Amino acid sequence: MAKAQGGFFARVWRITKRVFLILFIAQLVYIILLKWVNPPITITQLISWISGHGLKRDYVSKNNISYQARLAVIASEDQLFADHSGFDWNSIEKAMQYNQKKPNRIRGGSTISQQVAKNVFLWQGRDYIRKGLEVYFTFMIELVWGKERILEVYLNVAEMGNGIFGIEAAAQSYFNKNATSLTRTEAAMIAACLPNPKRFTVKPISKPVSIRYPWVIRQMNNLDGDEDISRIINKAIPAKKSNKKTR
């Protein structure tokens, strides 16, 4: 009897190892593939569609996204994007301290890279399993994709309104134009909704967006011409201009 049980558990262990190996290889291939191919759908997009919020999206290449939009999301969400390797440890520490003091008001410290890892490969939530997987996928996309691709994917998959995903769908929905034609003010307004796109509405403009988007414009002005950021968003670097990045 004991021998039979031992054989059963040995078979289960062998099958489990094979399954994990297959899953590991599959996700690795998927990560590499997404360096060039846009994700077919994300869990967040699927949930939005199933729950009745809709699914508006139109993936576009980085060449069809205005410089203003690329600068706006960096200014709004992750001003140290060009400098970190996926994680802004100072912001994470500050967020943890804030959440300990005010547990009913959750504050995030996620970088653009972490948000892409969560939005493309995982689900929304704050459980430890998801957070652990987020660390892994953030490390992998920084290693495999690089900053330009991470920013391009972010601008295509981030929720920018109720059921609106990506900068092209946002530009069409709010301003009836392509993402490549967005002005600085329009890009700042869209970026201002990113912390809570279901509540921070662009059209009609909500109070949080009306307060936040002028701040985003000021941050864009501060970052405009930063050499590292300009390199990522493919903008010619003006001579003798350097701005300090702030959080």
C-alpha atoms as a PDB file:
ATOM      1  CA  MET A   1       0.000   0.000   0.000  1.00  0.00           C
ATOM      2  CA  ALA A   2       2.744   2.421   0.999  1.00  0.00           C
ATOM      3  CA  LYS A   3       4.680   1.497  -2.137  1.00  0.00           C
ATOM      4  CA  ALA A   4       1.640   2.188  -4.324  1.00  0.00           C
ATOM      5  CA  GLN A   5       1.113   5.575  -2.643  1.00  0.00           C
ATOM      6  CA  GLY A   6       4.757   6.396  -3.172  1.00  0.00           C
ATOM      7  CA  GLY A   7       4.464   5.592  -6.865  1.00  0.00           C
ATOM      8  CA  PHE A   8       1.329   7.732  -7.150  1.00  0.00           C
ATOM      9  CA  PHE A   9       2.956  10.786  -5.557  1.00  0.00           C
ATOM     10  CA  ALA A  10       6.050  10.312  -7.725  1.00  0.00           C
ATOM     11  CA  ARG A  11       3.879  10.406 -10.862  1.00  0.00           C
ATOM     12  CA  VAL A  12       2.016  13.471  -9.607  1.00  0.00           C
ATOM     13  CA  TRP A  13       5.338  15.202  -8.911  1.00  0.00           C
ATOM     14  CA  ARG A  14       6.647  14.379 -12.402  1.00  0.00           C
ATOM     15  CA  ILE A  15       3.461  15.699 -14.006  1.00  0.00           C
ATOM     16  CA  THR A  16       3.574  18.842 -11.863  1.00  0.00           C
ATOM     17  CA  LYS A  17       7.172  19.547 -12.874  1.00  0.00           C
ATOM     18  CA  ARG A  18       6.290  19.114 -16.546  1.00  0.00           C
ATOM     19  CA  VAL A  19       3.318  21.449 -16.257  1.00  0.00           C
ATOM     20  CA  PHE A  20       5.400  24.122 -14.561  1.00  0.00           C
ATOM     21  CA  LEU A  21       8.138  23.732 -17.165  1.00  0.00           C
ATOM     22  CA  ILE A  22       5.625  24.084 -20.014  1.00  0.00           C
ATOM     23  CA  LEU A  23       4.052  27.143 -18.376  1.00  0.00           C
ATOM     24  CA  PHE A  24       7.445  28.722 -17.785  1.00  0.00           C
ATOM     25  CA  ILE A  25       8.522  28.206 -21.397  1.00  0.00           C
ATOM     26  CA  ALA A  26       5.144  29.448 -22.680  1.00  0.00           C
ATOM     27  CA  GLN A  27       5.229  32.688 -20.689  1.00  0.00           C
ATOM     28  CA  LEU A  28       8.844  33.291 -21.679  1.00  0.00           C
ATOM     29  CA  VAL A  29       7.981  32.861 -25.361  1.00  0.00           C
ATOM     30  CA  TYR A  30       4.984  35.177 -24.881  1.00  0.00           C
ATOM     31  CA  ILE A  31       7.156  37.876 -23.288  1.00  0.00           C
ATOM     32  CA  ILE A  32       9.639  37.696 -26.155  1.00  0.00           C
ATOM     33  CA  LEU A  33       6.834  37.719 -28.757  1.00  0.00           C
ATOM     34  CA  LEU A  34       5.277  40.842 -27.237  1.00  0.00           C
ATOM     35  CA  LYS A  35       8.472  42.748 -27.874  1.00  0.00           C
ATOM     36  CA  TRP A  36       7.154  43.084 -31.438  1.00  0.00           C
ATOM     37  CA  VAL A  37       3.483  42.007 -31.279  1.00  0.00           C
ATOM     38  CA  ASN A  38       0.749  43.797 -29.333  1.00  0.00           C
ATOM     39  CA  PRO A  39      -1.083  41.729 -26.688  1.00  0.00           C
ATOM     40  CA  PRO A  40      -4.294  40.296 -28.202  1.00  0.00           C
ATOM     41  CA  ILE A  41      -6.276  41.095 -25.034  1.00  0.00           C
ATOM     42  CA  THR A  42      -5.604  41.651 -21.348  1.00  0.00           C
ATOM     43  CA  ILE A  43      -7.483  40.409 -18.301  1.00  0.00           C
ATOM     44  CA  THR A  44      -8.490  43.977 -17.435  1.00  0.00           C
ATOM     45  CA  GLN A  45      -9.871  44.557 -20.932  1.00  0.00           C
ATOM     46  CA  LEU A  46     -11.767  41.266 -20.854  1.00  0.00           C
ATOM     47  CA  ILE A  47     -13.309  42.065 -17.463  1.00  0.00           C
ATOM     48  CA  SER A  48     -14.296  45.533 -18.685  1.00  0.00           C
ATOM     49  CA  TRP A  49     -16.101  44.001 -21.659  1.00  0.00           C
ATOM     50  CA  ILE A  50     -17.797  41.222 -19.662  1.00  0.00           C
ATOM     51  CA  SER A  51     -18.924  43.589 -16.887  1.00  0.00           C
ATOM     52  CA  GLY A  52     -20.640  45.905 -19.362  1.00  0.00           C
ATOM     53  CA  HIS A  53     -18.179  48.811 -19.284  1.00  0.00           C
ATOM     54  CA  GLY A  54     -17.284  48.220 -22.918  1.00  0.00           C
ATOM     55  CA  LEU A  55     -13.988  47.816 -24.716  1.00  0.00           C
ATOM     56  CA  LYS A  56     -12.742  50.588 -26.957  1.00  0.00           C
ATOM     57  CA  ARG A  57      -9.162  50.203 -28.153  1.00  0.00           C
ATOM     58  CA  ASP A  58      -7.077  50.687 -31.254  1.00  0.00           C
ATOM     59  CA  TYR A  59      -3.429  49.717 -30.955  1.00  0.00           C
ATOM     60  CA  VAL A  60      -1.048  52.041 -32.779  1.00  0.00           C
ATOM     61  CA  SER A  61       2.720  52.116 -33.195  1.00  0.00           C
ATOM     62  CA  LYS A  62       4.868  54.619 -31.325  1.00  0.00           C
ATOM     63  CA  ASN A  63       5.281  56.574 -34.571  1.00  0.00           C
ATOM     64  CA  ASN A  64       1.536  57.231 -34.505  1.00  0.00           C
ATOM     65  CA  ILE A  65       1.559  58.601 -30.956  1.00  0.00           C
ATOM     66  CA  SER A  66       2.356  62.254 -30.461  1.00  0.00           C
ATOM     67  CA  TYR A  67       5.472  63.296 -28.605  1.00  0.00           C
ATOM     68  CA  GLN A  68       3.156  65.245 -26.283  1.00  0.00           C
ATOM     69  CA  ALA A  69       1.302  62.081 -25.248  1.00  0.00           C
ATOM     70  CA  ARG A  70       4.507  60.160 -24.573  1.00  0.00           C
ATOM     71  CA  LEU A  71       5.868  63.006 -22.482  1.00  0.00           C
ATOM     72  CA  ALA A  72       2.561  63.509 -20.650  1.00  0.00           C
ATOM     73  CA  VAL A  73       2.292  59.985 -19.248  1.00  0.00           C
ATOM     74  CA  ILE A  74       5.901  60.078 -18.045  1.00  0.00           C
ATOM     75  CA  ALA A  75       5.312  63.468 -16.418  1.00  0.00           C
ATOM     76  CA  SER A  76       2.117  62.244 -14.806  1.00  0.00           C
ATOM     77  CA  GLU A  77       2.959  58.681 -13.791  1.00  0.00           C
ATOM     78  CA  ASP A  78       6.702  58.083 -13.611  1.00  0.00           C
ATOM     79  CA  GLN A  79       9.140  60.967 -13.949  1.00  0.00           C
ATOM     80  CA  LEU A  80      12.087  58.685 -13.139  1.00  0.00           C
ATOM     81  CA  PHE A  81      11.107  56.213 -15.867  1.00  0.00           C
ATOM     82  CA  ALA A  82      14.335  56.775 -17.793  1.00  0.00           C
ATOM     83  CA  ASP A  83      16.509  56.265 -14.723  1.00  0.00           C
ATOM     84  CA  HIS A  84      15.184  53.226 -12.863  1.00  0.00           C
ATOM     85  CA  SER A  85      15.374  49.541 -13.776  1.00  0.00           C
ATOM     86  CA  GLY A  86      11.678  48.929 -13.282  1.00  0.00           C
ATOM     87  CA  PHE A  87      11.187  49.944  -9.662  1.00  0.00           C
ATOM     88  CA  ASP A  88      11.242  53.326  -7.941  1.00  0.00           C
ATOM     89  CA  TRP A  89      12.160  52.147  -4.460  1.00  0.00           C
ATOM     90  CA  ASN A  90      11.817  55.577  -2.837  1.00  0.00           C
ATOM     91  CA  SER A  91       8.245  55.961  -4.080  1.00  0.00           C
ATOM     92  CA  ILE A  92       7.404  52.399  -3.046  1.00  0.00           C
ATOM     93  CA  GLU A  93       8.727  53.059   0.464  1.00  0.00           C
ATOM     94  CA  LYS A  94       6.760  56.321   0.719  1.00  0.00           C
ATOM     95  CA  ALA A  95       3.600  54.565  -0.471  1.00  0.00           C
ATOM     96  CA  MET A  96       4.041  51.803   2.113  1.00  0.00           C
ATOM     97  CA  GLN A  97       4.518  54.337   4.909  1.00  0.00           C
ATOM     98  CA  TYR A  98       1.448  56.282   3.770  1.00  0.00           C
ATOM     99  CA  ASN A  99      -0.685  53.128   3.562  1.00  0.00           C
ATOM    100  CA  GLN A 100       0.359  52.099   7.077  1.00  0.00           C
ATOM    101  CA  LYS A 101      -0.725  55.461   8.464  1.00  0.00           C
ATOM    102  CA  LYS A 102      -3.926  55.624   6.401  1.00  0.00           C
ATOM    103  CA  PRO A 103      -4.983  52.072   5.506  1.00  0.00           C
ATOM    104  CA  ASN A 104      -8.329  53.272   4.142  1.00  0.00           C
ATOM    105  CA  ARG A 105      -6.603  55.494   1.558  1.00  0.00           C
ATOM    106  CA  ILE A 106      -4.399  53.294  -0.576  1.00  0.00           C
ATOM    107  CA  ARG A 107      -1.558  55.092  -2.332  1.00  0.00           C
ATOM    108  CA  GLY A 108       0.395  53.438  -5.124  1.00  0.00           C
ATOM    109  CA  GLY A 109       4.085  53.688  -5.940  1.00  0.00           C
ATOM    110  CA  SER A 110       4.084  51.730  -9.184  1.00  0.00           C
ATOM    111  CA  THR A 111       6.280  52.717 -12.102  1.00  0.00           C
ATOM    112  CA  ILE A 112       5.142  52.618 -15.714  1.00  0.00           C
ATOM    113  CA  SER A 113       7.026  49.325 -16.059  1.00  0.00           C
ATOM    114  CA  GLN A 114       5.126  47.807 -13.134  1.00  0.00           C
ATOM    115  CA  GLN A 115       1.810  49.030 -14.520  1.00  0.00           C
ATOM    116  CA  VAL A 116       2.578  47.431 -17.881  1.00  0.00           C
ATOM    117  CA  ALA A 117       3.515  44.152 -16.190  1.00  0.00           C
ATOM    118  CA  LYS A 118       0.239  44.202 -14.260  1.00  0.00           C
ATOM    119  CA  ASN A 119      -1.962  45.286 -17.169  1.00  0.00           C
ATOM    120  CA  VAL A 120      -0.534  42.912 -19.786  1.00  0.00           C
ATOM    121  CA  PHE A 121       0.155  39.726 -17.816  1.00  0.00           C
ATOM    122  CA  LEU A 122      -1.848  39.904 -14.590  1.00  0.00           C
ATOM    123  CA  TRP A 123      -5.050  41.062 -12.958  1.00  0.00           C
ATOM    124  CA  GLN A 124      -6.003  44.096 -10.871  1.00  0.00           C
ATOM    125  CA  GLY A 125      -5.697  43.769  -7.111  1.00  0.00           C
ATOM    126  CA  ARG A 126      -3.252  44.067  -4.246  1.00  0.00           C
ATOM    127  CA  ASP A 127      -2.792  40.476  -3.099  1.00  0.00           C
ATOM    128  CA  TYR A 128       0.710  39.207  -2.446  1.00  0.00           C
ATOM    129  CA  ILE A 129       0.644  36.566  -5.196  1.00  0.00           C
ATOM    130  CA  ARG A 130      -0.103  39.180  -7.847  1.00  0.00           C
ATOM    131  CA  LYS A 131       2.497  41.540  -6.412  1.00  0.00           C
ATOM    132  CA  GLY A 132       5.121  38.794  -6.484  1.00  0.00           C
ATOM    133  CA  LEU A 133       4.345  37.952 -10.107  1.00  0.00           C
ATOM    134  CA  GLU A 134       4.407  41.669 -10.940  1.00  0.00           C
ATOM    135  CA  VAL A 135       8.003  41.880  -9.722  1.00  0.00           C
ATOM    136  CA  TYR A 136       8.984  38.993 -12.001  1.00  0.00           C
ATOM    137  CA  PHE A 137       7.242  40.323 -15.109  1.00  0.00           C
ATOM    138  CA  THR A 138       8.546  43.854 -14.490  1.00  0.00           C
ATOM    139  CA  PHE A 139      12.096  42.524 -14.352  1.00  0.00           C
ATOM    140  CA  MET A 140      11.565  40.496 -17.538  1.00  0.00           C
ATOM    141  CA  ILE A 141      10.083  43.270 -19.687  1.00  0.00           C
ATOM    142  CA  GLU A 142      12.818  45.670 -18.590  1.00  0.00           C
ATOM    143  CA  LEU A 143      15.345  43.032 -19.638  1.00  0.00           C
ATOM    144  CA  VAL A 144      13.697  41.882 -22.885  1.00  0.00           C
ATOM    145  CA  TRP A 145      11.675  44.850 -24.162  1.00  0.00           C
ATOM    146  CA  GLY A 146      13.538  47.980 -23.119  1.00  0.00           C
ATOM    147  CA  LYS A 147      12.116  51.394 -22.233  1.00  0.00           C
ATOM    148  CA  GLU A 148      10.799  52.425 -25.655  1.00  0.00           C
ATOM    149  CA  ARG A 149       8.723  49.271 -26.072  1.00  0.00           C
ATOM    150  CA  ILE A 150       7.462  49.412 -22.477  1.00  0.00           C
ATOM    151  CA  LEU A 151       6.244  52.970 -23.019  1.00  0.00           C
ATOM    152  CA  GLU A 152       4.654  52.046 -26.353  1.00  0.00           C
ATOM    153  CA  VAL A 153       2.745  49.135 -24.803  1.00  0.00           C
ATOM    154  CA  TYR A 154       1.688  51.274 -21.839  1.00  0.00           C
ATOM    155  CA  LEU A 155       0.214  53.877 -24.168  1.00  0.00           C
ATOM    156  CA  ASN A 156      -1.762  51.134 -25.920  1.00  0.00           C
ATOM    157  CA  VAL A 157      -3.100  49.087 -22.990  1.00  0.00           C
ATOM    158  CA  ALA A 158      -3.583  51.562 -20.126  1.00  0.00           C
ATOM    159  CA  GLU A 159      -7.202  52.297 -19.249  1.00  0.00           C
ATOM    160  CA  MET A 160      -7.873  55.962 -20.040  1.00  0.00           C
ATOM    161  CA  GLY A 161     -11.569  56.109 -19.370  1.00  0.00           C
ATOM    162  CA  ASN A 162     -14.485  53.827 -18.610  1.00  0.00           C
ATOM    163  CA  GLY A 163     -13.894  50.994 -21.084  1.00  0.00           C
ATOM    164  CA  ILE A 164     -11.419  53.101 -23.070  1.00  0.00           C
ATOM    165  CA  PHE A 165      -7.986  51.526 -23.469  1.00  0.00           C
ATOM    166  CA  GLY A 166      -4.995  53.167 -25.076  1.00  0.00           C
ATOM    167  CA  ILE A 167      -4.125  56.635 -26.270  1.00  0.00           C
ATOM    168  CA  GLU A 168      -5.665  56.242 -29.738  1.00  0.00           C
ATOM    169  CA  ALA A 169      -9.085  55.273 -28.388  1.00  0.00           C
ATOM    170  CA  ALA A 170      -8.850  58.090 -25.829  1.00  0.00           C
ATOM    171  CA  ALA A 171      -7.913  60.670 -28.469  1.00  0.00           C
ATOM    172  CA  GLN A 172     -10.787  59.580 -30.699  1.00  0.00           C
ATOM    173  CA  SER A 173     -13.319  59.447 -27.846  1.00  0.00           C
ATOM    174  CA  TYR A 174     -12.420  62.763 -26.216  1.00  0.00           C
ATOM    175  CA  PHE A 175     -11.100  64.965 -29.023  1.00  0.00           C
ATOM    176  CA  ASN A 176     -12.211  63.259 -32.246  1.00  0.00           C
ATOM    177  CA  LYS A 177      -8.660  63.062 -33.565  1.00  0.00           C
ATOM    178  CA  ASN A 178      -5.777  60.625 -33.899  1.00  0.00           C
ATOM    179  CA  ALA A 179      -3.241  60.182 -31.120  1.00  0.00           C
ATOM    180  CA  THR A 180      -0.536  61.607 -33.353  1.00  0.00           C
ATOM    181  CA  SER A 181      -2.341  64.985 -33.402  1.00  0.00           C
ATOM    182  CA  LEU A 182      -2.828  65.482 -29.659  1.00  0.00           C
ATOM    183  CA  THR A 183      -1.755  68.850 -28.302  1.00  0.00           C
ATOM    184  CA  ARG A 184       0.094  69.326 -25.042  1.00  0.00           C
ATOM    185  CA  THR A 185      -3.087  70.323 -23.198  1.00  0.00           C
ATOM    186  CA  GLU A 186      -5.102  67.417 -24.609  1.00  0.00           C
ATOM    187  CA  ALA A 187      -2.361  64.916 -23.771  1.00  0.00           C
ATOM    188  CA  ALA A 188      -2.104  66.341 -20.240  1.00  0.00           C
ATOM    189  CA  MET A 189      -5.857  66.002 -19.737  1.00  0.00           C
ATOM    190  CA  ILE A 190      -5.765  62.331 -20.730  1.00  0.00           C
ATOM    191  CA  ALA A 191      -2.718  61.685 -18.548  1.00  0.00           C
ATOM    192  CA  ALA A 192      -4.481  63.379 -15.626  1.00  0.00           C
ATOM    193  CA  CYS A 193      -7.160  60.677 -15.613  1.00  0.00           C
ATOM    194  CA  LEU A 194      -4.722  57.772 -15.283  1.00  0.00           C
ATOM    195  CA  PRO A 195      -4.731  57.456 -11.468  1.00  0.00           C
ATOM    196  CA  ASN A 196      -8.435  56.537 -11.557  1.00  0.00           C
ATOM    197  CA  PRO A 197      -9.794  56.526 -15.132  1.00  0.00           C
ATOM    198  CA  LYS A 198     -13.313  55.444 -14.180  1.00  0.00           C
ATOM    199  CA  ARG A 199     -13.771  58.383 -11.779  1.00  0.00           C
ATOM    200  CA  PHE A 200     -11.421  60.978 -13.276  1.00  0.00           C
ATOM    201  CA  THR A 201     -13.370  61.691 -16.444  1.00  0.00           C
ATOM    202  CA  VAL A 202     -11.961  63.772 -19.294  1.00  0.00           C
ATOM    203  CA  LYS A 203     -15.267  64.440 -21.083  1.00  0.00           C
ATOM    204  CA  PRO A 204     -17.131  65.828 -19.268  1.00  0.00           C
ATOM    205  CA  ILE A 205     -14.109  67.023 -17.382  1.00  0.00           C
ATOM    206  CA  SER A 206     -14.179  66.026 -13.724  1.00  0.00           C
ATOM    207  CA  LYS A 207     -12.857  68.170 -10.886  1.00  0.00           C
ATOM    208  CA  PRO A 208      -9.803  65.902 -10.280  1.00  0.00           C
ATOM    209  CA  VAL A 209      -8.793  66.171 -13.957  1.00  0.00           C
ATOM    210  CA  SER A 210      -9.375  69.936 -14.067  1.00  0.00           C
ATOM    211  CA  ILE A 211      -7.117  70.328 -11.026  1.00  0.00           C
ATOM    212  CA  ARG A 212      -4.483  67.812 -12.096  1.00  0.00           C
ATOM    213  CA  TYR A 213      -3.917  68.508 -15.784  1.00  0.00           C
ATOM    214  CA  PRO A 214      -2.326  71.983 -15.307  1.00  0.00           C
ATOM    215  CA  TRP A 215       0.122  70.308 -12.924  1.00  0.00           C
ATOM    216  CA  VAL A 216       0.874  67.696 -15.592  1.00  0.00           C
ATOM    217  CA  ILE A 217       1.604  70.488 -18.089  1.00  0.00           C
ATOM    218  CA  ARG A 218       4.040  72.115 -15.649  1.00  0.00           C
ATOM    219  CA  GLN A 219       5.805  68.795 -15.178  1.00  0.00           C
ATOM    220  CA  MET A 220       5.963  68.329 -18.952  1.00  0.00           C
ATOM    221  CA  ASN A 221       7.589  71.746 -19.243  1.00  0.00           C
ATOM    222  CA  ASN A 222      10.134  70.763 -16.586  1.00  0.00           C
ATOM    223  CA  LEU A 223      10.983  67.472 -18.279  1.00  0.00           C
ATOM    224  CA  ASP A 224      10.990  68.756 -21.847  1.00  0.00           C
ATOM    225  CA  GLY A 225      14.543  68.507 -23.114  1.00  0.00           C
ATOM    226  CA  ASP A 226      15.780  66.031 -20.506  1.00  0.00           C
ATOM    227  CA  GLU A 227      18.335  63.976 -22.424  1.00  0.00           C
ATOM    228  CA  ASP A 228      17.381  60.544 -21.071  1.00  0.00           C
ATOM    229  CA  ILE A 229      13.660  61.074 -21.575  1.00  0.00           C
ATOM    230  CA  SER A 230      14.157  62.632 -25.003  1.00  0.00           C
ATOM    231  CA  ARG A 231      16.121  59.565 -26.038  1.00  0.00           C
ATOM    232  CA  ILE A 232      13.243  57.263 -25.043  1.00  0.00           C
ATOM    233  CA  ILE A 233      10.520  59.291 -26.719  1.00  0.00           C
ATOM    234  CA  ASN A 234      12.652  59.960 -29.805  1.00  0.00           C
ATOM    235  CA  LYS A 235      12.750  63.719 -29.640  1.00  0.00           C
ATOM    236  CA  ALA A 236      15.666  65.836 -30.774  1.00  0.00           C
ATOM    237  CA  ILE A 237      17.553  67.073 -27.723  1.00  0.00           C
ATOM    238  CA  PRO A 238      17.803  70.877 -27.501  1.00  0.00           C
ATOM    239  CA  ALA A 239      21.248  72.286 -26.919  1.00  0.00           C
ATOM    240  CA  LYS A 240      22.189  73.350 -23.393  1.00  0.00           C
ATOM    241  CA  LYS A 241      18.993  72.433 -21.637  1.00  0.00           C
ATOM    242  CA  SER A 242      18.818  70.247 -18.589  1.00  0.00           C
ATOM    243  CA  ASN A 243      15.971  69.920 -16.133  1.00  0.00           C
ATOM    244  CA  LYS A 244      15.873  68.218 -12.793  1.00  0.00           C
ATOM    245  CA  LYS A 245      13.368  65.403 -12.568  1.00  0.00           C
ATOM    246  CA  THR A 246      11.046  65.492  -9.593  1.00  0.00           C
ATOM    247  CA  ARG A 247       8.541  63.046  -8.251  1.00  0.00           C
END
